[in-house]
Protein backbone atom coordinates (compact mmCIF):
# COMPACT_ATOMS: atom_id res chain seq x y z
CA MET A 1 -0.25 0.29 0.12
CA MET A 2 2.93 2.20 0.74
CA LYS A 3 4.52 1.85 -2.31
CA SER A 4 1.62 2.06 -4.48
CA ARG A 5 0.17 5.06 -2.62
CA TYR A 6 3.29 7.12 -1.88
CA LEU A 7 6.41 6.16 -3.18
CA LYS A 8 5.65 5.63 -6.70
CA ASP A 9 3.87 9.35 -7.01
CA LEU A 10 6.99 10.47 -4.79
CA GLU A 11 9.32 8.87 -7.22
CA LEU A 12 7.24 10.56 -10.12
CA TRP A 13 7.32 14.22 -9.15
CA THR A 14 11.12 13.81 -7.63
CA GLY A 15 11.97 12.14 -10.94
CA ALA A 16 14.48 13.28 -13.82
CA ASP A 17 11.49 15.26 -15.70
CA ARG A 18 9.98 16.95 -12.44
CA LEU A 19 12.08 18.40 -9.50
CA ASN A 20 15.50 16.91 -10.48
CA LYS A 21 14.77 19.56 -14.07
CA PHE A 22 13.70 22.54 -11.20
CA ILE A 23 17.08 21.85 -9.75
CA GLU A 24 19.23 21.69 -12.78
CA LEU A 25 17.80 24.95 -13.57
CA VAL A 26 18.76 26.55 -10.39
CA GLU A 27 22.36 25.15 -10.51
CA THR A 28 22.74 26.58 -13.57
CA ALA A 29 21.38 29.94 -13.57
CA VAL A 30 21.67 30.91 -10.12
CA ASP A 31 25.92 31.89 -9.02
CA LEU A 32 25.75 29.72 -5.99
CA ASP A 33 29.26 31.27 -4.83
CA HIS A 34 27.19 34.52 -4.55
CA LEU A 35 24.61 32.63 -2.89
CA GLU A 36 27.00 32.20 0.45
CA ASN A 37 26.99 35.53 0.83
CA GLY A 38 23.38 36.84 0.59
CA GLU A 39 23.75 37.86 -3.09
CA TYR A 40 21.33 36.63 -5.46
CA MET A 41 23.18 36.52 -9.21
CA ILE A 42 22.53 34.83 -12.12
CA SER A 43 25.44 32.79 -13.06
CA SER A 44 27.92 34.18 -15.32
CA SER A 45 28.04 30.67 -17.55
CA TYR A 46 24.22 31.29 -18.40
CA ASP A 47 25.17 33.93 -20.53
CA SER A 48 28.42 35.39 -22.37
CA ALA A 49 27.95 38.93 -21.61
CA LEU A 50 27.94 38.21 -18.07
CA THR A 51 30.89 35.47 -18.39
CA GLU A 52 32.76 38.74 -19.85
CA LEU A 53 31.52 40.98 -16.90
CA LYS A 54 32.68 38.19 -14.53
CA GLU A 55 36.30 37.68 -16.01
CA GLN A 56 36.33 41.76 -15.42
CA GLN A 57 35.39 41.41 -11.74
CA GLU A 58 37.81 38.83 -11.02
CA LEU A 59 40.38 40.48 -12.23
CA LEU A 60 39.57 43.66 -10.24
CA ASP A 61 39.63 41.22 -7.25
CA SER A 62 42.84 39.92 -8.02
CA GLN A 63 43.90 43.76 -8.54
CA ILE A 64 42.38 44.92 -5.49
CA TYR A 65 43.88 41.71 -3.33
CA ASP A 66 47.29 42.76 -4.40
CA LEU A 67 46.53 46.06 -2.95
CA HIS A 68 45.91 45.32 0.10
CA ARG A 69 48.75 43.03 0.73
CA GLN A 70 51.17 45.65 -0.81
CA THR A 71 49.51 48.27 1.68
CA ALA A 72 49.75 45.83 4.59
CA VAL A 73 53.95 45.35 3.62
CA ASP A 74 54.06 49.44 3.31
CA LEU A 75 52.47 50.06 6.79
CA ASP A 76 54.02 46.84 8.64
CA LEU A 77 50.76 45.08 9.18
CA VAL A 78 49.53 41.51 9.14
CA VAL A 79 47.28 41.10 6.11
CA ASP A 80 43.73 39.97 7.22
CA LYS A 81 44.80 40.61 10.69
CA ALA A 82 45.78 43.94 11.61
CA LEU A 83 44.58 45.37 8.00
CA LYS A 84 41.67 44.05 6.55
CA LEU A 85 39.80 44.78 3.34
CA ASP A 86 36.15 45.52 3.78
CA LYS A 87 33.45 45.99 1.33
CA GLY A 88 30.32 47.56 1.95
CA THR A 89 27.40 49.77 0.59
CA GLN A 90 28.36 52.99 2.01
CA PHE A 91 32.05 53.32 0.92
CA GLY A 92 32.73 50.06 -1.19
CA HIS A 93 35.95 48.68 -0.70
CA VAL A 94 38.16 50.12 2.36
CA PHE A 95 41.07 49.35 4.42
CA ARG A 96 40.16 48.81 8.17
CA ILE A 97 42.59 49.04 11.34
CA THR A 98 42.14 48.33 14.64
CA LYS A 99 41.86 51.73 16.98
CA LYS A 100 44.87 49.67 18.99
CA GLU A 101 47.12 49.66 15.22
CA GLU A 102 45.74 53.23 14.33
CA PRO A 103 48.60 54.92 16.69
CA LYS A 104 51.55 53.09 15.05
CA ILE A 105 50.76 54.30 11.41
CA ARG A 106 48.97 57.50 12.23
CA LYS A 107 51.56 59.61 10.29
CA LYS A 108 51.54 57.47 7.53
CA LEU A 109 47.86 57.12 7.70
CA ASN A 110 47.42 61.14 7.65
CA THR A 111 49.55 61.46 4.52
CA GLN A 112 49.30 58.67 2.15
CA PHE A 113 45.59 57.99 2.91
CA ILE A 114 42.07 59.45 3.53
CA VAL A 115 40.16 58.22 6.46
CA LEU A 116 36.77 57.71 5.81
CA GLU A 117 35.54 56.99 8.99
CA THR A 118 36.76 56.40 12.75
CA ARG A 119 34.61 54.16 15.07
CA LYS A 120 34.85 52.02 18.58
CA ASP A 121 35.47 49.37 15.97
CA GLY A 122 38.19 50.57 14.34
CA VAL A 123 39.62 53.17 11.40
CA LYS A 124 38.59 53.10 7.64
CA PHE A 125 40.15 54.24 5.23
CA THR A 126 41.09 54.34 1.35
CA ASN A 127 43.88 55.73 -1.35
CA THR A 128 43.41 56.81 -4.57
CA LYS A 129 44.31 53.20 -6.04
CA LEU A 130 41.80 51.70 -3.63
CA LYS A 131 38.95 54.11 -4.85
CA LYS A 132 39.91 53.84 -8.54
CA LEU A 133 39.71 49.81 -8.14
CA GLY A 134 36.65 49.85 -6.24
CA ASP A 135 34.96 52.18 -8.69
CA LYS A 136 35.76 50.45 -11.47
CA TYR A 137 34.70 47.34 -9.28
CA GLN A 138 31.04 48.70 -8.79
CA GLN A 139 30.36 49.81 -12.26
CA ILE A 140 31.31 46.32 -13.57
CA LEU A 141 28.63 44.98 -10.80
CA GLU A 142 26.09 47.36 -11.75
CA GLU A 143 26.92 46.50 -15.66
CA TYR A 144 26.22 42.54 -14.62
CA LYS A 145 23.07 43.59 -12.78
CA SER A 146 21.68 45.24 -15.48
CA CYS A 147 22.33 42.53 -17.99
CA GLN A 148 21.11 39.97 -15.92
CA LYS A 149 17.45 41.57 -15.53
CA GLN A 150 16.22 39.97 -18.28
CA LEU A 151 17.66 36.84 -17.45
CA VAL A 152 16.06 36.72 -14.26
CA ILE A 153 12.59 37.49 -16.01
CA LYS A 154 13.18 34.62 -18.02
CA VAL A 155 14.36 32.33 -14.85
CA VAL A 156 11.12 33.06 -13.02
CA GLU A 157 8.95 32.53 -15.60
CA ILE A 158 10.86 28.91 -16.12
CA SER A 159 10.60 28.35 -12.33
CA ALA A 160 6.73 29.07 -12.47
CA THR A 161 6.31 26.06 -14.70
CA PHE A 162 7.03 23.85 -12.00
CA SER A 163 4.34 25.16 -9.71
CA GLU A 164 2.37 21.63 -10.28
CA VAL A 165 5.39 19.86 -9.27
CA PHE A 166 5.78 22.02 -5.76
CA GLU A 167 2.22 21.36 -5.19
CA SER A 168 1.66 18.03 -5.96
CA LEU A 169 4.89 16.99 -3.32
CA ALA A 170 3.43 19.49 -0.83
CA GLU A 171 0.25 17.46 -0.55
CA LEU A 172 1.82 14.42 -0.94
CA ILE A 173 4.20 15.02 1.93
CA SER A 174 1.91 16.79 4.19
CA GLU A 175 -0.31 13.66 4.28
CA LEU A 176 2.61 11.65 4.80
CA ASP A 177 3.44 14.01 7.54
CA VAL A 178 -0.04 13.63 9.13
CA LEU A 179 -0.07 9.67 8.89
CA LEU A 180 3.40 9.74 10.45
CA SER A 181 2.68 12.12 13.26
CA PHE A 182 -0.23 9.75 13.86
CA ALA A 183 1.55 6.66 13.88
CA ASP A 184 4.36 8.09 16.13
CA LEU A 185 1.55 9.14 18.75
CA ALA A 186 -0.25 5.40 18.42
CA SER A 187 3.29 3.77 19.00
CA SER A 188 4.57 5.88 21.95
CA CYS A 189 1.33 6.42 23.90
CA PRO A 190 1.27 4.87 27.57
CA THR A 191 -1.67 2.92 27.02
CA PRO A 192 -2.37 0.82 23.68
CA TYR A 193 -3.87 2.53 20.61
CA THR A 194 -6.95 1.01 19.68
CA ARG A 195 -8.89 2.49 16.65
CA PRO A 196 -12.07 3.92 17.57
CA ASP A 197 -15.38 2.78 16.25
CA ILE A 198 -17.16 5.94 14.41
CA THR A 199 -20.72 5.57 14.81
CA SER A 200 -23.41 7.60 12.98
CA SER A 201 -24.67 9.57 16.32
């Protein structure tokens, strides 16, 4: 009974031409690396224009990282420990040091860098090179987002065609959930459970 009532349908809806097709769509269309950072982006492999923009973005990332390392050497600070590289919406790419480190490099900080913000957690600053690279990075990111807009619409439209799969699976799984909960209750009941007699009254 279980096989004919549940397993057969479960295999049908999770099969290669139903739910697995949706999984393939998501894995192909969505950039899962960015997803870990909370960014929802269309995968660059989905479109040649996106691929080109992604390559430019990776090149800029590399240049920014190299500048981060070089700045750490120039300031005689440990990369990622004393001198951090932050990326935010307010300033873009910035260097950050703790308040404790600030007195050690104050002279260089005031002559070679632009201090953006001083707070309890540290000092955020930049220089012309980082600002230029950060601005280019932001420009490429905006182009990427603009380019992916039409693709997002297409992916959402395709995803909507899978609604029958999800509705059918939801119905099947919810029924199983109720029955399994009921079975668990019956088996763990302190007194033996017996099926009730249903009368017409």
